Full PDB file with SEQRES, HELIX, SHEET, SSBOND, CRYST1, ORIGX, SCALE, CONECT and MASTER records, all heavy atoms in Angstrom:
SEQRES   1 A   40  GLU ASN GLY ILE PHE GLY GLU ILE THR ASP ALA ASN ILE          
SEQRES   2 A   40  ILE ASN LYS GLU PRO MET LYS ILE ALA LEU GLN ASP LYS          
SEQRES   3 A   40  VAL HIS GLU GLY PRO ALA LYS ILE ARG SER ASN VAL ASP          
SEQRES   4 A   40  LYS                                                          
HELIX    1 AA1 ALA A   11  ILE A   13  5                                   3    
HELIX    2 AA2 GLN A   24  LYS A   26  5                                   3    
CRYST1    1.000    1.000    1.000  90.00  90.00  90.00 P 1           1          
ORIGX1      1.000000  0.000000  0.000000        0.00000                         
ORIGX2      0.000000  1.000000  0.000000        0.00000                         
ORIGX3      0.000000  0.000000  1.000000        0.00000                         
SCALE1      1.000000  0.000000  0.000000        0.00000                         
SCALE2      0.000000  1.000000  0.000000        0.00000                         
SCALE3      0.000000  0.000000  1.000000        0.00000                         
ATOM      1  N   GLU A   1      14.629  -9.244   3.018  1.00  0.00           N  
ATOM      2  CA  GLU A   1      13.689 -10.154   3.668  1.00  0.00           C  
ATOM      3  C   GLU A   1      12.293  -9.551   3.785  1.00  0.00           C  
ATOM      4  O   GLU A   1      11.302 -10.268   3.919  1.00  0.00           O  
ATOM      5  CB  GLU A   1      14.213 -10.538   5.058  1.00  0.00           C  
ATOM      6  CG  GLU A   1      15.468 -11.391   5.021  1.00  0.00           C  
ATOM      7  CD  GLU A   1      15.968 -11.740   6.397  1.00  0.00           C  
ATOM      8  OE1 GLU A   1      15.432 -11.175   7.375  1.00  0.00           O  
ATOM      9  OE2 GLU A   1      16.881 -12.573   6.515  1.00  0.00           O  
ATOM     10  N   ASN A   2      12.207  -8.220   3.751  1.00  0.00           N  
ATOM     11  CA  ASN A   2      10.927  -7.543   3.928  1.00  0.00           C  
ATOM     12  C   ASN A   2      10.333  -7.008   2.630  1.00  0.00           C  
ATOM     13  O   ASN A   2       9.407  -6.197   2.662  1.00  0.00           O  
ATOM     14  CB  ASN A   2      11.066  -6.397   4.927  1.00  0.00           C  
ATOM     15  CG  ASN A   2      11.285  -6.898   6.341  1.00  0.00           C  
ATOM     16  OD1 ASN A   2      11.186  -8.089   6.609  1.00  0.00           O  
ATOM     17  ND2 ASN A   2      11.588  -6.000   7.259  1.00  0.00           N  
ATOM     18  N   GLY A   3      10.859  -7.449   1.494  1.00  0.00           N  
ATOM     19  CA  GLY A   3      10.296  -7.033   0.223  1.00  0.00           C  
ATOM     20  C   GLY A   3      11.346  -6.589  -0.769  1.00  0.00           C  
ATOM     21  O   GLY A   3      12.542  -6.548  -0.465  1.00  0.00           O  
ATOM     22  N   ILE A   4      10.898  -6.284  -1.989  1.00  0.00           N  
ATOM     23  CA  ILE A   4      11.798  -5.716  -2.988  1.00  0.00           C  
ATOM     24  C   ILE A   4      11.532  -4.219  -3.079  1.00  0.00           C  
ATOM     25  O   ILE A   4      10.398  -3.761  -2.880  1.00  0.00           O  
ATOM     26  CB  ILE A   4      11.647  -6.383  -4.367  1.00  0.00           C  
ATOM     27  CG1 ILE A   4      10.237  -6.161  -4.953  1.00  0.00           C  
ATOM     28  CG2 ILE A   4      11.972  -7.875  -4.287  1.00  0.00           C  
ATOM     29  CD1 ILE A   4      10.108  -6.616  -6.399  1.00  0.00           C  
ATOM     30  N   PHE A   5      12.583  -3.465  -3.382  1.00  0.00           N  
ATOM     31  CA  PHE A   5      12.505  -2.013  -3.368  1.00  0.00           C  
ATOM     32  C   PHE A   5      13.179  -1.458  -4.616  1.00  0.00           C  
ATOM     33  O   PHE A   5      14.130  -2.036  -5.124  1.00  0.00           O  
ATOM     34  CB  PHE A   5      13.181  -1.456  -2.108  1.00  0.00           C  
ATOM     35  CG  PHE A   5      12.546  -1.935  -0.833  1.00  0.00           C  
ATOM     36  CD1 PHE A   5      12.880  -3.171  -0.295  1.00  0.00           C  
ATOM     37  CD2 PHE A   5      11.585  -1.171  -0.197  1.00  0.00           C  
ATOM     38  CE1 PHE A   5      12.274  -3.632   0.864  1.00  0.00           C  
ATOM     39  CE2 PHE A   5      10.980  -1.619   0.962  1.00  0.00           C  
ATOM     40  CZ  PHE A   5      11.316  -2.852   1.491  1.00  0.00           C  
ATOM     41  N   GLY A   6      12.655  -0.328  -5.092  1.00  0.00           N  
ATOM     42  CA  GLY A   6      13.233   0.260  -6.291  1.00  0.00           C  
ATOM     43  C   GLY A   6      12.639   1.614  -6.571  1.00  0.00           C  
ATOM     44  O   GLY A   6      12.081   2.276  -5.681  1.00  0.00           O  
ATOM     45  N   GLU A   7      12.723   2.041  -7.831  1.00  0.00           N  
ATOM     46  CA  GLU A   7      12.279   3.372  -8.223  1.00  0.00           C  
ATOM     47  C   GLU A   7      11.371   3.275  -9.440  1.00  0.00           C  
ATOM     48  O   GLU A   7      11.684   2.591 -10.414  1.00  0.00           O  
ATOM     49  CB  GLU A   7      13.476   4.277  -8.532  1.00  0.00           C  
ATOM     50  CG  GLU A   7      13.103   5.723  -8.777  1.00  0.00           C  
ATOM     51  CD  GLU A   7      14.321   6.637  -8.768  1.00  0.00           C  
ATOM     52  OE1 GLU A   7      15.402   6.173  -8.367  1.00  0.00           O  
ATOM     53  OE2 GLU A   7      14.173   7.799  -9.173  1.00  0.00           O  
ATOM     54  N   ILE A   8      10.229   3.947  -9.363  1.00  0.00           N  
ATOM     55  CA  ILE A   8       9.286   3.990 -10.473  1.00  0.00           C  
ATOM     56  C   ILE A   8       9.812   4.958 -11.538  1.00  0.00           C  
ATOM     57  O   ILE A   8      10.288   6.044 -11.217  1.00  0.00           O  
ATOM     58  CB  ILE A   8       7.896   4.451  -9.984  1.00  0.00           C  
ATOM     59  CG1 ILE A   8       7.276   3.401  -9.066  1.00  0.00           C  
ATOM     60  CG2 ILE A   8       6.976   4.737 -11.158  1.00  0.00           C  
ATOM     61  CD1 ILE A   8       6.925   2.105  -9.762  1.00  0.00           C  
ATOM     62  N   THR A   9       9.724   4.563 -12.801  1.00  0.00           N  
ATOM     63  CA  THR A   9      10.220   5.427 -13.882  1.00  0.00           C  
ATOM     64  C   THR A   9       9.151   6.404 -14.361  1.00  0.00           C  
ATOM     65  O   THR A   9       9.473   7.439 -14.935  1.00  0.00           O  
ATOM     66  CB  THR A   9      10.701   4.573 -15.058  1.00  0.00           C  
ATOM     67  OG1 THR A   9       9.672   3.654 -15.439  1.00  0.00           O  
ATOM     68  CG2 THR A   9      11.934   3.768 -14.672  1.00  0.00           C  
ATOM     69  N   ASP A  10       7.873   6.080 -14.129  1.00  0.00           N  
ATOM     70  CA  ASP A  10       6.798   6.976 -14.533  1.00  0.00           C  
ATOM     71  C   ASP A  10       5.700   6.952 -13.475  1.00  0.00           C  
ATOM     72  O   ASP A  10       4.805   6.106 -13.494  1.00  0.00           O  
ATOM     73  CB  ASP A  10       6.232   6.559 -15.891  1.00  0.00           C  
ATOM     74  CG  ASP A  10       5.125   7.507 -16.373  1.00  0.00           C  
ATOM     75  OD1 ASP A  10       4.941   8.567 -15.753  1.00  0.00           O  
ATOM     76  OD2 ASP A  10       4.466   7.168 -17.373  1.00  0.00           O  
ATOM     77  N   ALA A  11       5.770   7.898 -12.549  1.00  0.00           N  
ATOM     78  CA  ALA A  11       4.811   7.928 -11.439  1.00  0.00           C  
ATOM     79  C   ALA A  11       3.421   8.365 -11.888  1.00  0.00           C  
ATOM     80  O   ALA A  11       2.453   8.230 -11.137  1.00  0.00           O  
ATOM     81  CB  ALA A  11       5.315   8.861 -10.344  1.00  0.00           C  
ATOM     82  N   ASN A  12       3.283   8.865 -13.108  1.00  0.00           N  
ATOM     83  CA  ASN A  12       1.983   9.327 -13.593  1.00  0.00           C  
ATOM     84  C   ASN A  12       1.007   8.186 -13.854  1.00  0.00           C  
ATOM     85  O   ASN A  12      -0.188   8.434 -14.067  1.00  0.00           O  
ATOM     86  CB  ASN A  12       2.158  10.150 -14.871  1.00  0.00           C  
ATOM     87  CG  ASN A  12       2.882  11.459 -14.619  1.00  0.00           C  
ATOM     88  OD1 ASN A  12       2.681  12.101 -13.594  1.00  0.00           O  
ATOM     89  ND2 ASN A  12       3.744  11.853 -15.553  1.00  0.00           N  
ATOM     90  N   ILE A  13       1.495   6.948 -13.838  1.00  0.00           N  
ATOM     91  CA  ILE A  13       0.602   5.817 -14.096  1.00  0.00           C  
ATOM     92  C   ILE A  13      -0.260   5.494 -12.867  1.00  0.00           C  
ATOM     93  O   ILE A  13      -1.181   4.694 -12.956  1.00  0.00           O  
ATOM     94  CB  ILE A  13       1.395   4.566 -14.502  1.00  0.00           C  
ATOM     95  CG1 ILE A  13       2.323   4.121 -13.369  1.00  0.00           C  
ATOM     96  CG2 ILE A  13       2.174   4.801 -15.771  1.00  0.00           C  
ATOM     97  CD1 ILE A  13       3.060   2.837 -13.659  1.00  0.00           C  
ATOM     98  N   ILE A  14       0.036   6.129 -11.728  1.00  0.00           N  
ATOM     99  CA  ILE A  14      -0.691   5.841 -10.490  1.00  0.00           C  
ATOM    100  C   ILE A  14      -1.723   6.932 -10.242  1.00  0.00           C  
ATOM    101  O   ILE A  14      -1.398   8.117 -10.220  1.00  0.00           O  
ATOM    102  CB  ILE A  14       0.283   5.770  -9.299  1.00  0.00           C  
ATOM    103  CG1 ILE A  14       1.389   4.763  -9.588  1.00  0.00           C  
ATOM    104  CG2 ILE A  14      -0.443   5.396  -8.022  1.00  0.00           C  
ATOM    105  CD1 ILE A  14       2.502   4.780  -8.596  1.00  0.00           C  
ATOM    106  N   ASN A  15      -2.987   6.533 -10.055  1.00  0.00           N  
ATOM    107  CA  ASN A  15      -4.048   7.513  -9.832  1.00  0.00           C  
ATOM    108  C   ASN A  15      -4.644   7.414  -8.429  1.00  0.00           C  
ATOM    109  O   ASN A  15      -5.772   7.843  -8.194  1.00  0.00           O  
ATOM    110  CB  ASN A  15      -5.147   7.354 -10.883  1.00  0.00           C  
ATOM    111  CG  ASN A  15      -5.785   5.976 -10.856  1.00  0.00           C  
ATOM    112  OD1 ASN A  15      -5.435   5.144 -10.021  1.00  0.00           O  
ATOM    113  ND2 ASN A  15      -6.708   5.736 -11.773  1.00  0.00           N  
ATOM    114  N   LYS A  16      -3.894   6.815  -7.492  1.00  0.00           N  
ATOM    115  CA  LYS A  16      -4.362   6.692  -6.113  1.00  0.00           C  
ATOM    116  C   LYS A  16      -3.855   7.863  -5.274  1.00  0.00           C  
ATOM    117  O   LYS A  16      -2.818   8.466  -5.594  1.00  0.00           O  
ATOM    118  CB  LYS A  16      -3.884   5.368  -5.507  1.00  0.00           C  
ATOM    119  CG  LYS A  16      -4.307   4.120  -6.284  1.00  0.00           C  
ATOM    120  CD  LYS A  16      -5.796   3.925  -6.273  1.00  0.00           C  
ATOM    121  CE  LYS A  16      -6.192   2.647  -6.974  1.00  0.00           C  
ATOM    122  NZ  LYS A  16      -7.651   2.441  -7.010  1.00  0.00           N  
ATOM    123  N   GLU A  17      -4.578   8.149  -4.200  1.00  0.00           N  
ATOM    124  CA  GLU A  17      -4.221   9.272  -3.331  1.00  0.00           C  
ATOM    125  C   GLU A  17      -3.266   8.825  -2.220  1.00  0.00           C  
ATOM    126  O   GLU A  17      -3.365   7.691  -1.732  1.00  0.00           O  
ATOM    127  CB  GLU A  17      -5.473   9.873  -2.697  1.00  0.00           C  
ATOM    128  CG  GLU A  17      -6.395  10.568  -3.695  1.00  0.00           C  
ATOM    129  CD  GLU A  17      -5.736  11.751  -4.370  1.00  0.00           C  
ATOM    130  OE1 GLU A  17      -5.011  12.507  -3.672  1.00  0.00           O  
ATOM    131  OE2 GLU A  17      -5.928  11.923  -5.587  1.00  0.00           O  
ATOM    132  N   PRO A  18      -2.355   9.724  -1.790  1.00  0.00           N  
ATOM    133  CA  PRO A  18      -1.474   9.405  -0.658  1.00  0.00           C  
ATOM    134  C   PRO A  18      -2.278   9.179   0.619  1.00  0.00           C  
ATOM    135  O   PRO A  18      -3.391   9.672   0.774  1.00  0.00           O  
ATOM    136  CB  PRO A  18      -0.586  10.649  -0.537  1.00  0.00           C  
ATOM    137  CG  PRO A  18      -0.667  11.325  -1.864  1.00  0.00           C  
ATOM    138  CD  PRO A  18      -2.049  11.045  -2.371  1.00  0.00           C  
ATOM    139  N   MET A  19      -1.688   8.423   1.528  1.00  0.00           N  
ATOM    140  CA  MET A  19      -2.347   8.077   2.783  1.00  0.00           C  
ATOM    141  C   MET A  19      -1.305   8.035   3.889  1.00  0.00           C  
ATOM    142  O   MET A  19      -0.164   7.616   3.660  1.00  0.00           O  
ATOM    143  CB  MET A  19      -3.027   6.706   2.630  1.00  0.00           C  
ATOM    144  CG  MET A  19      -3.757   6.213   3.850  1.00  0.00           C  
ATOM    145  SD  MET A  19      -4.502   4.569   3.534  1.00  0.00           S  
ATOM    146  CE  MET A  19      -5.767   4.998   2.331  1.00  0.00           C  
ATOM    147  N   LYS A  20      -1.684   8.466   5.080  1.00  0.00           N  
ATOM    148  CA  LYS A  20      -0.765   8.361   6.212  1.00  0.00           C  
ATOM    149  C   LYS A  20      -0.587   6.898   6.598  1.00  0.00           C  
ATOM    150  O   LYS A  20      -1.469   6.075   6.374  1.00  0.00           O  
ATOM    151  CB  LYS A  20      -1.290   9.157   7.411  1.00  0.00           C  
ATOM    152  CG  LYS A  20      -1.117  10.659   7.262  1.00  0.00           C  
ATOM    153  CD  LYS A  20      -1.451  11.375   8.562  1.00  0.00           C  
ATOM    154  CE  LYS A  20      -1.174  12.875   8.421  1.00  0.00           C  
ATOM    155  NZ  LYS A  20      -1.426  13.604   9.701  1.00  0.00           N  
ATOM    156  N   ILE A  21       0.562   6.596   7.202  1.00  0.00           N  
ATOM    157  CA  ILE A  21       0.803   5.239   7.687  1.00  0.00           C  
ATOM    158  C   ILE A  21       0.577   5.198   9.196  1.00  0.00           C  
ATOM    159  O   ILE A  21       0.568   6.239   9.867  1.00  0.00           O  
ATOM    160  CB  ILE A  21       2.225   4.753   7.347  1.00  0.00           C  
ATOM    161  CG1 ILE A  21       3.257   5.468   8.220  1.00  0.00           C  
ATOM    162  CG2 ILE A  21       2.543   4.931   5.883  1.00  0.00           C  
ATOM    163  CD1 ILE A  21       4.626   4.827   8.171  1.00  0.00           C  
ATOM    164  N   ALA A  22       0.374   3.993   9.712  1.00  0.00           N  
ATOM    165  CA  ALA A  22       0.237   3.802  11.158  1.00  0.00           C  
ATOM    166  C   ALA A  22       1.279   2.801  11.616  1.00  0.00           C  
ATOM    167  O   ALA A  22       1.492   1.775  10.972  1.00  0.00           O  
ATOM    168  CB  ALA A  22      -1.159   3.300  11.504  1.00  0.00           C  
ATOM    169  N   LEU A  23       1.965   3.107  12.711  1.00  0.00           N  
ATOM    170  CA  LEU A  23       2.924   2.178  13.286  1.00  0.00           C  
ATOM    171  C   LEU A  23       2.190   1.005  13.925  1.00  0.00           C  
ATOM    172  O   LEU A  23       0.988   1.059  14.176  1.00  0.00           O  
ATOM    173  CB  LEU A  23       3.803   2.886  14.314  1.00  0.00           C  
ATOM    174  CG  LEU A  23       4.700   4.015  13.791  1.00  0.00           C  
ATOM    175  CD1 LEU A  23       5.545   4.576  14.928  1.00  0.00           C  
ATOM    176  CD2 LEU A  23       5.592   3.551  12.650  1.00  0.00           C  
ATOM    177  N   GLN A  24       2.937  -0.043  14.229  1.00  0.00           N  
ATOM    178  CA  GLN A  24       2.331  -1.286  14.678  1.00  0.00           C  
ATOM    179  C   GLN A  24       1.548  -1.145  15.984  1.00  0.00           C  
ATOM    180  O   GLN A  24       0.611  -1.909  16.229  1.00  0.00           O  
ATOM    181  CB  GLN A  24       3.386  -2.376  14.818  1.00  0.00           C  
ATOM    182  CG  GLN A  24       4.547  -2.025  15.733  1.00  0.00           C  
ATOM    183  CD  GLN A  24       5.573  -3.141  15.769  1.00  0.00           C  
ATOM    184  OE1 GLN A  24       5.364  -4.150  16.436  1.00  0.00           O  
ATOM    185  NE2 GLN A  24       6.665  -2.973  15.063  1.00  0.00           N  
ATOM    186  N   ASP A  25       1.896  -0.172  16.825  1.00  0.00           N  
ATOM    187  CA  ASP A  25       1.154  -0.018  18.075  1.00  0.00           C  
ATOM    188  C   ASP A  25      -0.257   0.527  17.860  1.00  0.00           C  
ATOM    189  O   ASP A  25      -1.082   0.493  18.774  1.00  0.00           O  
ATOM    190  CB  ASP A  25       1.932   0.866  19.066  1.00  0.00           C  
ATOM    191  CG  ASP A  25       2.133   2.276  18.546  1.00  0.00           C  
ATOM    192  OD1 ASP A  25       2.315   2.436  17.325  1.00  0.00           O  
ATOM    193  OD2 ASP A  25       2.110   3.221  19.353  1.00  0.00           O  
ATOM    194  N   LYS A  26      -0.538   1.000  16.644  1.00  0.00           N  
ATOM    195  CA  LYS A  26      -1.879   1.480  16.316  1.00  0.00           C  
ATOM    196  C   LYS A  26      -2.720   0.400  15.631  1.00  0.00           C  
ATOM    197  O   LYS A  26      -3.931   0.558  15.468  1.00  0.00           O  
ATOM    198  CB  LYS A  26      -1.798   2.703  15.389  1.00  0.00           C  
ATOM    199  CG  LYS A  26      -1.036   3.886  15.977  1.00  0.00           C  
ATOM    200  CD  LYS A  26      -1.715   4.437  17.223  1.00  0.00           C  
ATOM    201  CE  LYS A  26      -0.983   5.680  17.733  1.00  0.00           C  
ATOM    202  NZ  LYS A  26      -1.591   6.187  18.990  1.00  0.00           N  
ATOM    203  N   VAL A  27      -2.073  -0.685  15.208  1.00  0.00           N  
ATOM    204  CA  VAL A  27      -2.791  -1.769  14.536  1.00  0.00           C  
ATOM    205  C   VAL A  27      -3.574  -2.562  15.575  1.00  0.00           C  
ATOM    206  O   VAL A  27      -3.064  -2.869  16.654  1.00  0.00           O  
ATOM    207  CB  VAL A  27      -1.801  -2.687  13.791  1.00  0.00           C  
ATOM    208  CG1 VAL A  27      -2.536  -3.836  13.106  1.00  0.00           C  
ATOM    209  CG2 VAL A  27      -1.000  -1.883  12.759  1.00  0.00           C  
ATOM    210  N   HIS A  28      -4.807  -2.916  15.256  1.00  0.00           N  
ATOM    211  CA  HIS A  28      -5.644  -3.619  16.235  1.00  0.00           C  
ATOM    212  C   HIS A  28      -6.494  -4.669  15.535  1.00  0.00           C  
ATOM    213  O   HIS A  28      -6.706  -4.634  14.316  1.00  0.00           O  
ATOM    214  CB  HIS A  28      -6.528  -2.627  16.990  1.00  0.00           C  
ATOM    215  CG  HIS A  28      -7.438  -1.826  16.084  1.00  0.00           C  
ATOM    216  ND1 HIS A  28      -8.681  -2.282  15.678  1.00  0.00           N  
ATOM    217  CD2 HIS A  28      -7.274  -0.597  15.504  1.00  0.00           C  
ATOM    218  CE1 HIS A  28      -9.247  -1.382  14.900  1.00  0.00           C  
ATOM    219  NE2 HIS A  28      -8.411  -0.341  14.777  1.00  0.00           N  
ATOM    220  N   GLU A  29      -6.997  -5.591  16.320  1.00  0.00           N  
ATOM    221  CA  GLU A  29      -7.927  -6.579  15.786  1.00  0.00           C  
ATOM    222  C   GLU A  29      -9.197  -5.882  15.314  1.00  0.00           C  
ATOM    223  O   GLU A  29      -9.637  -4.902  15.912  1.00  0.00           O  
ATOM    224  CB  GLU A  29      -8.272  -7.605  16.859  1.00  0.00           C  
ATOM    225  CG  GLU A  29      -7.097  -8.449  17.309  1.00  0.00           C  
ATOM    226  CD  GLU A  29      -7.478  -9.408  18.417  1.00  0.00           C  
ATOM    227  OE1 GLU A  29      -8.673  -9.434  18.798  1.00  0.00           O  
ATOM    228  OE2 GLU A  29      -6.594 -10.123  18.923  1.00  0.00           O  
ATOM    229  N   GLY A  30      -9.761  -6.398  14.241  1.00  0.00           N  
ATOM    230  CA  GLY A  30     -10.989  -5.805  13.741  1.00  0.00           C  
ATOM    231  C   GLY A  30     -10.994  -5.655  12.234  1.00  0.00           C  
ATOM    232  O   GLY A  30     -10.078  -6.122  11.542  1.00  0.00           O  
ATOM    233  N   PRO A  31     -12.016  -4.991  11.684  1.00  0.00           N  
ATOM    234  CA  PRO A  31     -12.158  -4.855  10.232  1.00  0.00           C  
ATOM    235  C   PRO A  31     -11.012  -4.050   9.616  1.00  0.00           C  
ATOM    236  O   PRO A  31     -10.459  -3.139  10.242  1.00  0.00           O  
ATOM    237  CB  PRO A  31     -13.492  -4.118  10.081  1.00  0.00           C  
ATOM    238  CG  PRO A  31     -14.215  -4.332  11.365  1.00  0.00           C  
ATOM    239  CD  PRO A  31     -13.149  -4.415  12.421  1.00  0.00           C  
ATOM    240  N   ALA A  32     -10.671  -4.385   8.384  1.00  0.00           N  
ATOM    241  CA  ALA A  32      -9.666  -3.672   7.609  1.00  0.00           C  
ATOM    242  C   ALA A  32      -9.952  -3.956   6.134  1.00  0.00           C  
ATOM    243  O   ALA A  32     -10.942  -4.615   5.798  1.00  0.00           O  
ATOM    244  CB  ALA A  32      -8.261  -4.110   8.004  1.00  0.00           C  
ATOM    245  N   LYS A  33      -9.092  -3.473   5.270  1.00  0.00           N  
ATOM    246  CA  LYS A  33      -9.230  -3.730   3.833  1.00  0.00           C  
ATOM    247  C   LYS A  33      -7.866  -4.063   3.245  1.00  0.00           C  
ATOM    248  O   LYS A  33      -6.830  -3.646   3.781  1.00  0.00           O  
ATOM    249  CB  LYS A  33      -9.823  -2.509   3.113  1.00  0.00           C  
ATOM    250  CG  LYS A  33     -11.264  -2.202   3.499  1.00  0.00           C  
ATOM    251  CD  LYS A  33     -11.814  -1.024   2.719  1.00  0.00           C  
ATOM    252  CE  LYS A  33     -13.256  -0.716   3.118  1.00  0.00           C  
ATOM    253  NZ  LYS A  33     -14.191  -1.802   2.757  1.00  0.00           N  
ATOM    254  N   ILE A  34      -7.862  -4.830   2.165  1.00  0.00           N  
ATOM    255  CA  ILE A  34      -6.646  -4.993   1.369  1.00  0.00           C  
ATOM    256  C   ILE A  34      -6.933  -4.454  -0.021  1.00  0.00           C  
ATOM    257  O   ILE A  34      -8.069  -4.530  -0.514  1.00  0.00           O  
ATOM    258  CB  ILE A  34      -6.164  -6.461   1.289  1.00  0.00           C  
ATOM    259  CG1 ILE A  34      -7.200  -7.362   0.616  1.00  0.00           C  
ATOM    260  CG2 ILE A  34      -5.787  -6.972   2.661  1.00  0.00           C  
ATOM    261  CD1 ILE A  34      -6.652  -8.752   0.302  1.00  0.00           C  
ATOM    262  N   ARG A  35      -5.924  -3.871  -0.635  1.00  0.00           N  
ATOM    263  CA  ARG A  35      -6.050  -3.304  -1.980  1.00  0.00           C  
ATOM    264  C   ARG A  35      -5.326  -4.243  -2.934  1.00  0.00           C  
ATOM    265  O   ARG A  35      -4.114  -4.425  -2.851  1.00  0.00           O  
ATOM    266  CB  ARG A  35      -5.454  -1.899  -2.016  1.00  0.00           C  
ATOM    267  CG  ARG A  35      -5.580  -1.196  -3.362  1.00  0.00           C  
ATOM    268  CD  ARG A  35      -5.262   0.285  -3.231  1.00  0.00           C  
ATOM    269  NE  ARG A  35      -6.309   0.968  -2.460  1.00  0.00           N  
ATOM    270  CZ  ARG A  35      -6.240   2.251  -2.103  1.00  0.00           C  
ATOM    271  NH1 ARG A  35      -5.176   2.977  -2.430  1.00  0.00           N  
ATOM    272  NH2 ARG A  35      -7.220   2.807  -1.402  1.00  0.00           N  
ATOM    273  N   SER A  36      -6.087  -4.862  -3.848  1.00  0.00           N  
ATOM    274  CA  SER A  36      -5.530  -5.899  -4.713  1.00  0.00           C  
ATOM    275  C   SER A  36      -6.009  -5.762  -6.145  1.00  0.00           C  
ATOM    276  O   SER A  36      -7.021  -5.118  -6.426  1.00  0.00           O  
ATOM    277  CB  SER A  36      -5.893  -7.300  -4.192  1.00  0.00           C  
ATOM    278  OG  SER A  36      -5.267  -7.573  -2.962  1.00  0.00           O  
ATOM    279  N   ASN A  37      -5.271  -6.411  -7.028  1.00  0.00           N  
ATOM    280  CA  ASN A  37      -5.542  -6.428  -8.466  1.00  0.00           C  
ATOM    281  C   ASN A  37      -5.674  -7.902  -8.876  1.00  0.00           C  
ATOM    282  O   ASN A  37      -4.676  -8.561  -9.150  1.00  0.00           O  
ATOM    283  CB  ASN A  37      -4.393  -5.736  -9.191  1.00  0.00           C  
ATOM    284  CG  ASN A  37      -4.446  -5.821 -10.693  1.00  0.00           C  
ATOM    285  OD1 ASN A  37      -3.440  -5.614 -11.340  1.00  0.00           O  
ATOM    286  ND2 ASN A  37      -5.600  -6.113 -11.271  1.00  0.00           N  
ATOM    287  N   VAL A  38      -6.917  -8.408  -8.878  1.00  0.00           N  
ATOM    288  CA  VAL A  38      -7.126  -9.827  -9.175  1.00  0.00           C  
ATOM    289  C   VAL A  38      -7.970 -10.043 -10.426  1.00  0.00           C  
ATOM    290  O   VAL A  38      -8.278 -11.181 -10.777  1.00  0.00           O  
ATOM    291  CB  VAL A  38      -7.778 -10.557  -7.976  1.00  0.00           C  
ATOM    292  CG1 VAL A  38      -6.886 -10.462  -6.743  1.00  0.00           C  
ATOM    293  CG2 VAL A  38      -9.172 -10.011  -7.686  1.00  0.00           C  
ATOM    294  N   ASP A  39      -8.357  -8.952 -11.093  1.00  0.00           N  
ATOM    295  CA  ASP A  39      -9.208  -9.062 -12.279  1.00  0.00           C  
ATOM    296  C   ASP A  39      -8.757  -8.035 -13.313  1.00  0.00           C  
ATOM    297  O   ASP A  39      -8.985  -6.838 -13.145  1.00  0.00           O  
ATOM    298  CB  ASP A  39     -10.669  -8.832 -11.890  1.00  0.00           C  
ATOM    299  CG  ASP A  39     -11.634  -9.093 -13.041  1.00  0.00           C  
ATOM    300  OD1 ASP A  39     -11.183  -9.557 -14.105  1.00  0.00           O  
ATOM    301  OD2 ASP A  39     -12.832  -8.832 -12.872  1.00  0.00           O  
ATOM    302  N   LYS A  40      -8.082  -8.508 -14.354  1.00  0.00           N  
ATOM    303  CA  LYS A  40      -7.581  -7.653 -15.434  1.00  0.00           C  
ATOM    304  C   LYS A  40      -6.756  -6.498 -14.853  1.00  0.00           C  
ATOM    305  O   LYS A  40      -5.784  -6.715 -14.158  1.00  0.00           O  
ATOM    306  CB  LYS A  40      -8.734  -7.169 -16.305  1.00  0.00           C  
ATOM    307  CG  LYS A  40      -9.490  -8.304 -16.994  1.00  0.00           C  
ATOM    308  CD  LYS A  40     -10.610  -7.795 -17.864  1.00  0.00           C  
ATOM    309  CE  LYS A  40     -11.345  -8.967 -18.522  1.00  0.00           C  
ATOM    310  NZ  LYS A  40     -12.479  -8.507 -19.357  1.00  0.00           N  
TER     311      LYS A  40                                                      
MASTER        0    0    0    2    0    0    0    6  310    1    0    4          
END                                                                             
């Protein structure tokens, strides 16, 4: 219900840096960003 899960066969295709997560009690109203792929 919360998404699909699996295993990447080639992790070298990702060039993004790791990031810490925040639990829901740290989430607040205000500015944020979404990371999306909408152009090529």
